[in-house]
Amino acid sequence: MSLSAITRRASLALGISILSAVTFGGLAQAQTFPDRVVTMVVPFAAGGSTDVVARVIANKMSDLLGQQVIVQNIGGGGGSLGAGNVARADPDGYTILMGTVATHALNPLILKTKPYDAEKDFAPISLLVIVPNVLVVNPELPAKSVQELVDLLKANPDKYSYASSGNGTPLHLSGELFKKMAGVSMQHIPYKGAGPALNDVIGNQVPIMFDNLPSSSSHMKGGTLRALGVTTKERAASFPDVPTIGETIPGYETYTWNALFAPAGTPPEVIAKLNESANKAMKDPAVIERMKEFSATIVGSTPDELASHVKAEIAKWTPVVKDANVQMD
């Protein structure tokens, strides 16, 4: 046998050996996963609805996986900072993201500098919950229904303004979608968070607001805010008397959602374990009751269903962002 033939055979054997080591090493890693703490990154400050969902789910997933799942808050950039950190993390399943419509639909459309690709840089795990937004007004505003508000805005173009938790947020764009579909005009007043915005709506400095239902619910019950409509397709179970905006403006639908993602390249077997534990957590009676407290609709999906959901959300929000001319650094 020639020296070159021996060399080729040796190279082939080495290649097969390396491939086998990588393949079986990956399988072994998946079979033992997790053998240490898993970090769930929440790309917003503690205390918001995304943080609440994350902590409830992480606690139950810890029981199911046999390893602690800890929540790490990394706020900044409307969620892009924390999401970017996860996109660049080792693809081993030990760093996962509690993503939202902001991280995976709006930021990719709004940010001039893209810190990550919402579809290519992540491995979808599961769509967990959908949380309604709500259109609320100060009780002194002479509108007691969505139709009355539309009539008021059409009769008084640009006289009224609406508040949101900030430029480019889902709540801001819920208002822009409303304007577009209802054919009305009103000025957008951005705030640095839902809290200060709510204070000014309650104080009647700004008469109208789109908000997450959980943060407005106590004010709705107390009468300091009037709810005109929820933004989801179905009425919220916790406020069955509040109609949907879509009952007046057919096709209108927005919501906040929470979903788990891992870095792209995470082994499918690891994704499967995370998906199984997340979806089992969502079926736990205590988790179900906790989600009901802030009107979250439990979903629990396959990775492919979450991937399709992200594509659909990007397609939905692209024309809204374009029409609103929202661009941020």
C-alpha atoms as a PDB file:
ATOM      1  CA  MET A   1       0.000   0.000   0.000  1.00  0.00           C
ATOM      2  CA  SER A   2       1.351   3.443  -0.937  1.00  0.00           C
ATOM      3  CA  LEU A   3       2.139   6.099   1.636  1.00  0.00           C
ATOM      4  CA  SER A   4      -0.559   8.363   0.189  1.00  0.00           C
ATOM      5  CA  ALA A   5      -3.183   5.610   0.505  1.00  0.00           C
ATOM      6  CA  ILE A   6      -2.183   5.007   4.119  1.00  0.00           C
ATOM      7  CA  THR A   7      -2.391   8.742   4.787  1.00  0.00           C
ATOM      8  CA  ARG A   8      -5.857   8.971   3.198  1.00  0.00           C
ATOM      9  CA  ARG A   9      -7.077   5.967   5.193  1.00  0.00           C
ATOM     10  CA  ALA A  10      -5.683   7.431   8.412  1.00  0.00           C
ATOM     11  CA  SER A  11      -7.293  10.787   7.704  1.00  0.00           C
ATOM     12  CA  LEU A  12     -10.655   9.122   7.003  1.00  0.00           C
ATOM     13  CA  ALA A  13     -10.429   7.125  10.220  1.00  0.00           C
ATOM     14  CA  LEU A  14      -9.570  10.261  12.173  1.00  0.00           C
ATOM     15  CA  GLY A  15     -12.500  12.117  10.623  1.00  0.00           C
ATOM     16  CA  ILE A  16     -14.925   9.321  11.509  1.00  0.00           C
ATOM     17  CA  SER A  17     -13.524   9.232  15.021  1.00  0.00           C
ATOM     18  CA  ILE A  18     -13.975  12.978  15.459  1.00  0.00           C
ATOM     19  CA  LEU A  19     -17.510  12.875  14.025  1.00  0.00           C
ATOM     20  CA  SER A  20     -18.430   9.997  16.324  1.00  0.00           C
ATOM     21  CA  ALA A  21     -17.017  11.811  19.332  1.00  0.00           C
ATOM     22  CA  VAL A  22     -18.996  14.956  18.497  1.00  0.00           C
ATOM     23  CA  THR A  23     -22.216  13.037  17.819  1.00  0.00           C
ATOM     24  CA  PHE A  24     -22.102  10.764  20.827  1.00  0.00           C
ATOM     25  CA  GLY A  25     -20.757  13.571  22.989  1.00  0.00           C
ATOM     26  CA  GLY A  26     -23.783  15.666  22.032  1.00  0.00           C
ATOM     27  CA  LEU A  27     -26.131  12.772  22.793  1.00  0.00           C
ATOM     28  CA  ALA A  28     -24.468  12.182  26.129  1.00  0.00           C
ATOM     29  CA  GLN A  29     -24.783  15.876  26.961  1.00  0.00           C
ATOM     30  CA  ALA A  30     -28.482  15.807  26.093  1.00  0.00           C
ATOM     31  CA  GLN A  31     -29.066  12.665  28.167  1.00  0.00           C
ATOM     32  CA  THR A  32     -27.495  14.199  31.276  1.00  0.00           C
ATOM     33  CA  PHE A  33     -29.051  17.640  30.772  1.00  0.00           C
ATOM     34  CA  PRO A  34     -29.397  19.456  33.060  1.00  0.00           C
ATOM     35  CA  ASP A  35     -26.615  18.675  35.501  1.00  0.00           C
ATOM     36  CA  ARG A  36     -26.271  22.220  36.821  1.00  0.00           C
ATOM     37  CA  VAL A  37     -28.228  25.462  37.235  1.00  0.00           C
ATOM     38  CA  VAL A  38     -30.179  26.785  34.241  1.00  0.00           C
ATOM     39  CA  THR A  39     -30.401  30.579  33.879  1.00  0.00           C
ATOM     40  CA  MET A  40     -33.603  32.076  32.496  1.00  0.00           C
ATOM     41  CA  VAL A  41     -32.912  35.620  31.320  1.00  0.00           C
ATOM     42  CA  VAL A  42     -35.747  38.124  31.637  1.00  0.00           C
ATOM     43  CA  PRO A  43     -34.782  41.075  29.411  1.00  0.00           C
ATOM     44  CA  PHE A  44     -36.666  43.612  31.547  1.00  0.00           C
ATOM     45  CA  ALA A  45     -36.542  44.924  35.098  1.00  0.00           C
ATOM     46  CA  ALA A  46     -38.043  42.877  37.906  1.00  0.00           C
ATOM     47  CA  GLY A  47     -41.710  43.309  38.749  1.00  0.00           C
ATOM     48  CA  GLY A  48     -43.365  43.440  35.330  1.00  0.00           C
ATOM     49  CA  SER A  49     -45.703  40.819  33.906  1.00  0.00           C
ATOM     50  CA  THR A  50     -42.865  39.099  31.999  1.00  0.00           C
ATOM     51  CA  ASP A  51     -40.848  38.816  35.207  1.00  0.00           C
ATOM     52  CA  VAL A  52     -43.850  37.409  37.089  1.00  0.00           C
ATOM     53  CA  VAL A  53     -44.490  34.772  34.418  1.00  0.00           C
ATOM     54  CA  ALA A  54     -40.796  33.854  34.355  1.00  0.00           C
ATOM     55  CA  ARG A  55     -40.537  33.335  38.111  1.00  0.00           C
ATOM     56  CA  VAL A  56     -43.679  31.202  38.288  1.00  0.00           C
ATOM     57  CA  ILE A  57     -42.519  29.025  35.383  1.00  0.00           C
ATOM     58  CA  ALA A  58     -38.888  28.832  36.525  1.00  0.00           C
ATOM     59  CA  ASN A  59     -39.966  27.621  39.960  1.00  0.00           C
ATOM     60  CA  LYS A  60     -42.037  24.778  38.512  1.00  0.00           C
ATOM     61  CA  MET A  61     -39.452  23.875  35.864  1.00  0.00           C
ATOM     62  CA  SER A  62     -36.877  23.539  38.646  1.00  0.00           C
ATOM     63  CA  ASP A  63     -38.991  20.773  40.182  1.00  0.00           C
ATOM     64  CA  LEU A  64     -39.504  19.022  36.867  1.00  0.00           C
ATOM     65  CA  LEU A  65     -35.882  19.196  35.683  1.00  0.00           C
ATOM     66  CA  GLY A  66     -34.310  18.335  39.015  1.00  0.00           C
ATOM     67  CA  GLN A  67     -32.021  21.366  38.789  1.00  0.00           C
ATOM     68  CA  GLN A  68     -32.618  24.949  39.819  1.00  0.00           C
ATOM     69  CA  VAL A  69     -33.828  27.346  37.116  1.00  0.00           C
ATOM     70  CA  ILE A  70     -32.915  30.853  38.233  1.00  0.00           C
ATOM     71  CA  VAL A  71     -34.238  34.117  36.819  1.00  0.00           C
ATOM     72  CA  GLN A  72     -31.743  36.802  35.820  1.00  0.00           C
ATOM     73  CA  ASN A  73     -33.058  40.270  34.949  1.00  0.00           C
ATOM     74  CA  ILE A  74     -31.041  42.041  32.248  1.00  0.00           C
ATOM     75  CA  GLY A  75     -32.974  45.173  31.294  1.00  0.00           C
ATOM     76  CA  GLY A  76     -32.147  47.735  28.654  1.00  0.00           C
ATOM     77  CA  GLY A  77     -32.828  48.523  25.016  1.00  0.00           C
ATOM     78  CA  GLY A  78     -36.485  47.536  25.213  1.00  0.00           C
ATOM     79  CA  GLY A  79     -35.449  43.953  25.866  1.00  0.00           C
ATOM     80  CA  SER A  80     -32.722  43.823  23.207  1.00  0.00           C
ATOM     81  CA  LEU A  81     -29.801  43.793  25.658  1.00  0.00           C
ATOM     82  CA  GLY A  82     -30.878  40.651  27.499  1.00  0.00           C
ATOM     83  CA  ALA A  83     -32.039  38.938  24.307  1.00  0.00           C
ATOM     84  CA  GLY A  84     -28.717  39.692  22.635  1.00  0.00           C
ATOM     85  CA  ASN A  85     -26.840  38.185  25.567  1.00  0.00           C
ATOM     86  CA  VAL A  86     -28.777  34.937  25.203  1.00  0.00           C
ATOM     87  CA  ALA A  87     -28.276  34.877  21.429  1.00  0.00           C
ATOM     88  CA  ARG A  88     -24.503  34.931  22.032  1.00  0.00           C
ATOM     89  CA  ALA A  89     -24.519  32.422  24.912  1.00  0.00           C
ATOM     90  CA  ASP A  90     -23.218  28.860  24.614  1.00  0.00           C
ATOM     91  CA  PRO A  91     -25.857  26.739  22.826  1.00  0.00           C
ATOM     92  CA  ASP A  92     -26.079  24.142  25.568  1.00  0.00           C
ATOM     93  CA  GLY A  93     -29.474  24.864  27.118  1.00  0.00           C
ATOM     94  CA  TYR A  94     -28.094  26.384  30.310  1.00  0.00           C
ATOM     95  CA  THR A  95     -28.953  29.952  29.263  1.00  0.00           C
ATOM     96  CA  ILE A  96     -32.472  30.516  27.955  1.00  0.00           C
ATOM     97  CA  LEU A  97     -34.589  33.596  27.267  1.00  0.00           C
ATOM     98  CA  MET A  98     -38.069  34.594  28.352  1.00  0.00           C
ATOM     99  CA  GLY A  99     -38.874  36.342  25.082  1.00  0.00           C
ATOM    100  CA  THR A 100     -41.779  38.622  24.226  1.00  0.00           C
ATOM    101  CA  VAL A 101     -43.403  40.376  21.292  1.00  0.00           C
ATOM    102  CA  ALA A 102     -40.894  43.171  21.948  1.00  0.00           C
ATOM    103  CA  THR A 103     -37.778  41.000  21.698  1.00  0.00           C
ATOM    104  CA  HIS A 104     -38.905  38.883  18.754  1.00  0.00           C
ATOM    105  CA  ALA A 105     -41.229  41.042  16.652  1.00  0.00           C
ATOM    106  CA  LEU A 106     -40.912  44.737  17.441  1.00  0.00           C
ATOM    107  CA  ASN A 107     -37.209  45.277  18.202  1.00  0.00           C
ATOM    108  CA  PRO A 108     -36.119  43.608  14.951  1.00  0.00           C
ATOM    109  CA  LEU A 109     -38.317  46.073  13.068  1.00  0.00           C
ATOM    110  CA  ILE A 110     -37.647  49.197  15.114  1.00  0.00           C
ATOM    111  CA  LEU A 111     -33.955  49.133  16.024  1.00  0.00           C
ATOM    112  CA  LYS A 112     -31.571  50.681  13.510  1.00  0.00           C
ATOM    113  CA  THR A 113     -28.715  48.582  14.880  1.00  0.00           C
ATOM    114  CA  LYS A 114     -29.760  44.934  15.050  1.00  0.00           C
ATOM    115  CA  PRO A 115     -28.099  43.179  18.029  1.00  0.00           C
ATOM    116  CA  TYR A 116     -29.466  39.801  16.875  1.00  0.00           C
ATOM    117  CA  ASP A 117     -31.627  38.096  14.264  1.00  0.00           C
ATOM    118  CA  ALA A 118     -34.901  37.165  15.953  1.00  0.00           C
ATOM    119  CA  GLU A 119     -35.341  34.033  13.838  1.00  0.00           C
ATOM    120  CA  LYS A 120     -31.832  32.823  12.971  1.00  0.00           C
ATOM    121  CA  ASP A 121     -30.109  33.433  16.329  1.00  0.00           C
ATOM    122  CA  PHE A 122     -32.566  31.520  18.522  1.00  0.00           C
ATOM    123  CA  ALA A 123     -33.916  28.004  18.883  1.00  0.00           C
ATOM    124  CA  PRO A 124     -37.625  28.193  19.802  1.00  0.00           C
ATOM    125  CA  ILE A 125     -38.738  26.182  22.839  1.00  0.00           C
ATOM    126  CA  SER A 126     -42.388  26.984  23.658  1.00  0.00           C
ATOM    127  CA  LEU A 127     -44.984  29.749  23.456  1.00  0.00           C
ATOM    128  CA  LEU A 128     -46.167  29.897  27.066  1.00  0.00           C
ATOM    129  CA  VAL A 129     -48.870  32.523  27.582  1.00  0.00           C
ATOM    130  CA  ILE A 130     -50.719  35.355  25.893  1.00  0.00           C
ATOM    131  CA  VAL A 131     -51.508  38.394  28.054  1.00  0.00           C
ATOM    132  CA  PRO A 132     -54.208  40.876  26.950  1.00  0.00           C
ATOM    133  CA  ASN A 133     -53.681  44.585  26.615  1.00  0.00           C
ATOM    134  CA  VAL A 134     -56.536  46.933  27.396  1.00  0.00           C
ATOM    135  CA  LEU A 135     -57.743  50.320  26.185  1.00  0.00           C
ATOM    136  CA  VAL A 136     -58.488  52.483  29.219  1.00  0.00           C
ATOM    137  CA  VAL A 137     -59.578  56.097  29.591  1.00  0.00           C
ATOM    138  CA  ASN A 138     -59.967  58.588  32.374  1.00  0.00           C
ATOM    139  CA  PRO A 139     -63.591  58.458  33.610  1.00  0.00           C
ATOM    140  CA  GLU A 140     -64.043  62.148  32.756  1.00  0.00           C
ATOM    141  CA  LEU A 141     -63.559  61.444  29.037  1.00  0.00           C
ATOM    142  CA  PRO A 142     -66.998  61.524  27.354  1.00  0.00           C
ATOM    143  CA  ALA A 143     -66.647  58.055  25.816  1.00  0.00           C
ATOM    144  CA  LYS A 144     -68.064  54.926  27.396  1.00  0.00           C
ATOM    145  CA  SER A 145     -67.424  52.487  24.557  1.00  0.00           C
ATOM    146  CA  VAL A 146     -64.948  51.915  21.748  1.00  0.00           C
ATOM    147  CA  GLN A 147     -67.458  53.254  19.219  1.00  0.00           C
ATOM    148  CA  GLU A 148     -68.035  56.415  21.268  1.00  0.00           C
ATOM    149  CA  LEU A 149     -64.265  56.941  21.459  1.00  0.00           C
ATOM    150  CA  VAL A 150     -63.911  56.508  17.689  1.00  0.00           C
ATOM    151  CA  ASP A 151     -66.731  59.017  17.127  1.00  0.00           C
ATOM    152  CA  LEU A 152     -65.145  61.463  19.578  1.00  0.00           C
ATOM    153  CA  LEU A 153     -61.730  61.230  17.908  1.00  0.00           C
ATOM    154  CA  LYS A 154     -63.190  61.629  14.425  1.00  0.00           C
ATOM    155  CA  ALA A 155     -65.131  64.702  15.523  1.00  0.00           C
ATOM    156  CA  ASN A 156     -62.024  66.210  17.129  1.00  0.00           C
ATOM    157  CA  PRO A 157     -58.950  65.306  15.026  1.00  0.00           C
ATOM    158  CA  ASP A 158     -55.682  65.512  16.990  1.00  0.00           C
ATOM    159  CA  LYS A 159     -57.391  67.072  20.017  1.00  0.00           C
ATOM    160  CA  TYR A 160     -56.807  64.029  22.211  1.00  0.00           C
ATOM    161  CA  SER A 161     -53.654  62.133  23.121  1.00  0.00           C
ATOM    162  CA  TYR A 162     -52.866  58.666  24.380  1.00  0.00           C
ATOM    163  CA  ALA A 163     -50.163  57.443  26.736  1.00  0.00           C
ATOM    164  CA  SER A 164     -47.962  54.367  26.514  1.00  0.00           C
ATOM    165  CA  SER A 165     -45.039  52.850  28.380  1.00  0.00           C
ATOM    166  CA  GLY A 166     -42.591  54.166  25.785  1.00  0.00           C
ATOM    167  CA  ASN A 167     -41.687  54.577  22.121  1.00  0.00           C
ATOM    168  CA  GLY A 168     -41.671  51.329  20.204  1.00  0.00           C
ATOM    169  CA  THR A 169     -43.299  49.298  22.966  1.00  0.00           C
ATOM    170  CA  PRO A 170     -46.179  46.914  22.266  1.00  0.00           C
ATOM    171  CA  LEU A 171     -48.500  49.387  24.001  1.00  0.00           C
ATOM    172  CA  HIS A 172     -47.394  52.255  21.747  1.00  0.00           C
ATOM    173  CA  LEU A 173     -47.950  50.152  18.650  1.00  0.00           C
ATOM    174  CA  SER A 174     -51.305  48.912  19.938  1.00  0.00           C
ATOM    175  CA  GLY A 175     -52.332  52.568  19.792  1.00  0.00           C
ATOM    176  CA  GLU A 176     -50.893  53.035  16.316  1.00  0.00           C
ATOM    177  CA  LEU A 177     -52.738  49.969  15.054  1.00  0.00           C
ATOM    178  CA  PHE A 178     -55.939  51.311  16.602  1.00  0.00           C
ATOM    179  CA  LYS A 179     -55.475  54.660  14.837  1.00  0.00           C
ATOM    180  CA  LYS A 180     -54.868  52.965  11.516  1.00  0.00           C
ATOM    181  CA  MET A 181     -57.772  50.522  11.680  1.00  0.00           C
ATOM    182  CA  ALA A 182     -60.284  53.005  13.164  1.00  0.00           C
ATOM    183  CA  GLY A 183     -59.251  55.839  10.858  1.00  0.00           C
ATOM    184  CA  VAL A 184     -58.655  58.298  13.700  1.00  0.00           C
ATOM    185  CA  SER A 185     -55.850  60.576  14.814  1.00  0.00           C
ATOM    186  CA  MET A 186     -54.489  61.250  18.289  1.00  0.00           C
ATOM    187  CA  GLN A 187     -51.094  62.235  19.616  1.00  0.00           C
ATOM    188  CA  HIS A 188     -48.831  59.653  21.227  1.00  0.00           C
ATOM    189  CA  ILE A 189     -47.293  60.578  24.602  1.00  0.00           C
ATOM    190  CA  PRO A 190     -44.489  58.136  25.521  1.00  0.00           C
ATOM    191  CA  TYR A 191     -43.489  57.542  29.138  1.00  0.00           C
ATOM    192  CA  LYS A 192     -40.611  55.688  30.762  1.00  0.00           C
ATOM    193  CA  GLY A 193     -42.728  52.781  31.877  1.00  0.00           C
ATOM    194  CA  ALA A 194     -46.392  51.970  32.446  1.00  0.00           C
ATOM    195  CA  GLY A 195     -46.405  53.259  36.047  1.00  0.00           C
ATOM    196  CA  PRO A 196     -45.880  56.968  35.338  1.00  0.00           C
ATOM    197  CA  ALA A 197     -48.155  56.760  32.311  1.00  0.00           C
ATOM    198  CA  LEU A 198     -50.975  55.311  34.410  1.00  0.00           C
ATOM    199  CA  ASN A 199     -50.509  58.040  37.021  1.00  0.00           C
ATOM    200  CA  ASP A 200     -51.047  60.731  34.405  1.00  0.00           C
ATOM    201  CA  VAL A 201     -54.072  59.015  32.886  1.00  0.00           C
ATOM    202  CA  ILE A 202     -55.637  58.640  36.340  1.00  0.00           C
ATOM    203  CA  GLY A 203     -54.827  62.318  36.958  1.00  0.00           C
ATOM    204  CA  ASN A 204     -56.345  63.197  33.543  1.00  0.00           C
ATOM    205  CA  GLN A 205     -53.179  64.821  32.194  1.00  0.00           C
ATOM    206  CA  VAL A 206     -53.539  62.349  29.320  1.00  0.00           C
ATOM    207  CA  PRO A 207     -57.025  60.900  28.807  1.00  0.00           C
ATOM    208  CA  ILE A 208     -56.358  57.623  26.963  1.00  0.00           C
ATOM    209  CA  MET A 209     -53.939  54.722  27.349  1.00  0.00           C
ATOM    210  CA  PHE A 210     -53.153  51.252  26.053  1.00  0.00           C
ATOM    211  CA  ASP A 211     -51.805  49.136  28.911  1.00  0.00           C
ATOM    212  CA  ASN A 212     -51.192  45.531  29.932  1.00  0.00           C
ATOM    213  CA  LEU A 213     -54.378  44.312  31.582  1.00  0.00           C
ATOM    214  CA  PRO A 214     -52.630  43.147  34.795  1.00  0.00           C
ATOM    215  CA  SER A 215     -51.277  46.593  35.676  1.00  0.00           C
ATOM    216  CA  SER A 216     -54.565  48.394  34.952  1.00  0.00           C
ATOM    217  CA  SER A 217     -56.904  45.843  36.527  1.00  0.00           C
ATOM    218  CA  SER A 218     -56.935  47.261  40.076  1.00  0.00           C
ATOM    219  CA  HIS A 219     -57.655  50.769  38.746  1.00  0.00           C
ATOM    220  CA  MET A 220     -60.452  49.385  36.575  1.00  0.00           C
ATOM    221  CA  LYS A 221     -62.000  47.671  39.597  1.00  0.00           C
ATOM    222  CA  GLY A 222     -61.574  50.795  41.723  1.00  0.00           C
ATOM    223  CA  GLY A 223     -63.208  53.068  39.145  1.00  0.00           C
ATOM    224  CA  THR A 224     -60.202  55.360  38.610  1.00  0.00           C
ATOM    225  CA  LEU A 225     -59.943  54.064  35.040  1.00  0.00           C
ATOM    226  CA  ARG A 226     -62.700  53.098  32.601  1.00  0.00           C
ATOM    227  CA  ALA A 227     -61.968  50.081  30.417  1.00  0.00           C
ATOM    228  CA  LEU A 228     -63.374  50.355  26.902  1.00  0.00           C
ATOM    229  CA  GLY A 229     -62.027  47.165  25.398  1.00  0.00           C
ATOM    230  CA  VAL A 230     -59.448  44.403  25.634  1.00  0.00           C
ATOM    231  CA  THR A 231     -57.144  43.919  22.678  1.00  0.00           C
ATOM    232  CA  THR A 232     -57.333  40.129  22.356  1.00  0.00           C
ATOM    233  CA  LYS A 233     -59.648  38.168  20.067  1.00  0.00           C
ATOM    234  CA  GLU A 234     -61.609  36.811  23.026  1.00  0.00           C
ATOM    235  CA  ARG A 235     -62.834  38.644  26.120  1.00  0.00           C
ATOM    236  CA  ALA A 236     -60.676  38.332  29.224  1.00  0.00           C
ATOM    237  CA  ALA A 237     -62.023  35.810  31.706  1.00  0.00           C
ATOM    238  CA  SER A 238     -61.281  38.151  34.620  1.00  0.00           C
ATOM    239  CA  PHE A 239     -63.314  40.987  33.027  1.00  0.00           C
ATOM    240  CA  PRO A 240     -66.052  39.247  31.022  1.00  0.00           C
ATOM    241  CA  ASP A 241     -68.141  42.440  30.795  1.00  0.00           C
ATOM    242  CA  VAL A 242     -65.386  44.340  28.986  1.00  0.00           C
ATOM    243  CA  PRO A 243     -65.828  43.828  25.236  1.00  0.00           C
ATOM    244  CA  THR A 244     -63.008  43.253  22.808  1.00  0.00           C
ATOM    245  CA  ILE A 245     -61.942  46.125  20.574  1.00  0.00           C
ATOM    246  CA  GLY A 246     -62.458  43.699  17.686  1.00  0.00           C
ATOM    247  CA  GLU A 247     -66.198  43.645  18.400  1.00  0.00           C
ATOM    248  CA  THR A 248     -66.233  47.245  17.171  1.00  0.00           C
ATOM    249  CA  ILE A 249     -63.205  47.248  14.855  1.00  0.00           C
ATOM    250  CA  PRO A 250     -63.208  43.820  13.153  1.00  0.00           C
ATOM    251  CA  GLY A 251     -59.786  42.240  12.909  1.00  0.00           C
ATOM    252  CA  TYR A 252     -58.160  44.362  15.593  1.00  0.00           C
ATOM    253  CA  GLU A 253     -56.018  42.200  17.843  1.00  0.00           C
ATOM    254  CA  THR A 254     -52.860  42.782  19.863  1.00  0.00           C
ATOM    255  CA  TYR A 255     -51.445  41.183  22.964  1.00  0.00           C
ATOM    256  CA  THR A 256     -48.294  40.618  24.917  1.00  0.00           C
ATOM    257  CA  TRP A 257     -46.883  37.113  24.853  1.00  0.00           C
ATOM    258  CA  ASN A 258     -44.155  35.212  26.645  1.00  0.00           C
ATOM    259  CA  ALA A 259     -42.139  32.405  25.112  1.00  0.00           C
ATOM    260  CA  LEU A 260     -38.948  30.506  25.844  1.00  0.00           C
ATOM    261  CA  PHE A 261     -35.979  30.532  23.462  1.00  0.00           C
ATOM    262  CA  ALA A 262     -32.474  29.054  23.567  1.00  0.00           C
ATOM    263  CA  PRO A 263     -29.444  30.108  21.503  1.00  0.00           C
ATOM    264  CA  ALA A 264     -29.406  28.750  17.945  1.00  0.00           C
ATOM    265  CA  GLY A 265     -27.514  25.481  17.720  1.00  0.00           C
ATOM    266  CA  THR A 266     -28.767  24.099  21.026  1.00  0.00           C
ATOM    267  CA  PRO A 267     -29.082  20.285  20.598  1.00  0.00           C
ATOM    268  CA  PRO A 268     -32.613  19.169  19.645  1.00  0.00           C
ATOM    269  CA  GLU A 269     -32.642  16.705  22.551  1.00  0.00           C
ATOM    270  CA  VAL A 270     -31.989  19.543  24.990  1.00  0.00           C
ATOM    271  CA  ILE A 271     -34.710  21.674  23.372  1.00  0.00           C
ATOM    272  CA  ALA A 272     -37.085  18.714  23.714  1.00  0.00           C
ATOM    273  CA  LYS A 273     -36.372  18.412  27.460  1.00  0.00           C
ATOM    274  CA  LEU A 274     -36.879  22.137  27.999  1.00  0.00           C
ATOM    275  CA  ASN A 275     -40.072  22.075  25.948  1.00  0.00           C
ATOM    276  CA  GLU A 276     -41.430  19.121  27.910  1.00  0.00           C
ATOM    277  CA  SER A 277     -40.726  20.701  31.294  1.00  0.00           C
ATOM    278  CA  ALA A 278     -42.097  24.112  30.262  1.00  0.00           C
ATOM    279  CA  ASN A 279     -45.321  22.659  28.887  1.00  0.00           C
ATOM    280  CA  LYS A 280     -45.784  20.423  31.942  1.00  0.00           C
ATOM    281  CA  ALA A 281     -45.265  23.474  34.156  1.00  0.00           C
ATOM    282  CA  MET A 282     -48.047  25.300  32.316  1.00  0.00           C
ATOM    283  CA  LYS A 283     -50.455  22.443  33.154  1.00  0.00           C
ATOM    284  CA  ASP A 284     -49.733  22.562  36.888  1.00  0.00           C
ATOM    285  CA  PRO A 285     -52.880  23.621  38.828  1.00  0.00           C
ATOM    286  CA  ALA A 286     -50.990  26.194  40.920  1.00  0.00           C
ATOM    287  CA  VAL A 287     -49.456  27.723  37.795  1.00  0.00           C
ATOM    288  CA  ILE A 288     -52.859  27.827  36.079  1.00  0.00           C
ATOM    289  CA  GLU A 289     -54.378  29.667  39.041  1.00  0.00           C
ATOM    290  CA  ARG A 290     -51.490  32.137  39.144  1.00  0.00           C
ATOM    291  CA  MET A 291     -51.848  32.894  35.442  1.00  0.00           C
ATOM    292  CA  LYS A 292     -55.582  33.472  35.877  1.00  0.00           C
ATOM    293  CA  GLU A 293     -54.844  36.248  38.350  1.00  0.00           C
ATOM    294  CA  PHE A 294     -53.640  38.480  35.545  1.00  0.00           C
ATOM    295  CA  SER A 295     -55.774  37.051  32.732  1.00  0.00           C
ATOM    296  CA  ALA A 296     -52.941  35.227  30.985  1.00  0.00           C
ATOM    297  CA  THR A 297     -54.134  32.619  28.512  1.00  0.00           C
ATOM    298  CA  ILE A 298     -51.985  29.494  28.722  1.00  0.00           C
ATOM    299  CA  VAL A 299     -50.776  28.138  25.400  1.00  0.00           C
ATOM    300  CA  GLY A 300     -47.855  25.679  25.616  1.00  0.00           C
ATOM    301  CA  SER A 301     -46.612  24.894  22.109  1.00  0.00           C
ATOM    302  CA  THR A 302     -44.117  22.896  20.090  1.00  0.00           C
ATOM    303  CA  PRO A 303     -40.885  24.599  18.964  1.00  0.00           C
ATOM    304  CA  ASP A 304     -42.172  24.640  15.366  1.00  0.00           C
ATOM    305  CA  GLU A 305     -45.410  26.312  16.425  1.00  0.00           C
ATOM    306  CA  LEU A 306     -43.433  29.020  18.229  1.00  0.00           C
ATOM    307  CA  ALA A 307     -41.250  29.550  15.145  1.00  0.00           C
ATOM    308  CA  SER A 308     -44.395  30.022  13.041  1.00  0.00           C
ATOM    309  CA  HIS A 309     -45.816  32.394  15.652  1.00  0.00           C
ATOM    310  CA  VAL A 310     -42.708  34.600  15.498  1.00  0.00           C
ATOM    311  CA  LYS A 311     -42.894  34.750  11.674  1.00  0.00           C
ATOM    312  CA  ALA A 312     -46.571  35.715  11.834  1.00  0.00           C
ATOM    313  CA  GLU A 313     -45.949  38.411  14.456  1.00  0.00           C
ATOM    314  CA  ILE A 314     -43.145  40.004  12.418  1.00  0.00           C
ATOM    315  CA  ALA A 315     -45.391  40.015   9.328  1.00  0.00           C
ATOM    316  CA  LYS A 316     -48.259  41.546  11.331  1.00  0.00           C
ATOM    317  CA  TRP A 317     -46.240  44.377  12.867  1.00  0.00           C
ATOM    318  CA  THR A 318     -44.115  45.302   9.820  1.00  0.00           C
ATOM    319  CA  PRO A 319     -46.726  47.600   8.187  1.00  0.00           C
ATOM    320  CA  VAL A 320     -47.713  49.108  11.559  1.00  0.00           C
ATOM    321  CA  VAL A 321     -44.123  50.048  12.385  1.00  0.00           C
ATOM    322  CA  LYS A 322     -43.630  51.390   8.857  1.00  0.00           C
ATOM    323  CA  ASP A 323     -46.778  53.531   8.966  1.00  0.00           C
ATOM    324  CA  ALA A 324     -45.886  54.870  12.423  1.00  0.00           C
ATOM    325  CA  ASN A 325     -42.347  55.617  11.208  1.00  0.00           C
ATOM    326  CA  VAL A 326     -40.868  54.286  14.455  1.00  0.00           C
ATOM    327  CA  GLN A 327     -37.079  53.929  14.401  1.00  0.00           C
ATOM    328  CA  MET A 328     -34.795  53.772  17.401  1.00  0.00           C
ATOM    329  CA  ASP A 329     -31.032  53.591  17.880  1.00  0.00           C
END
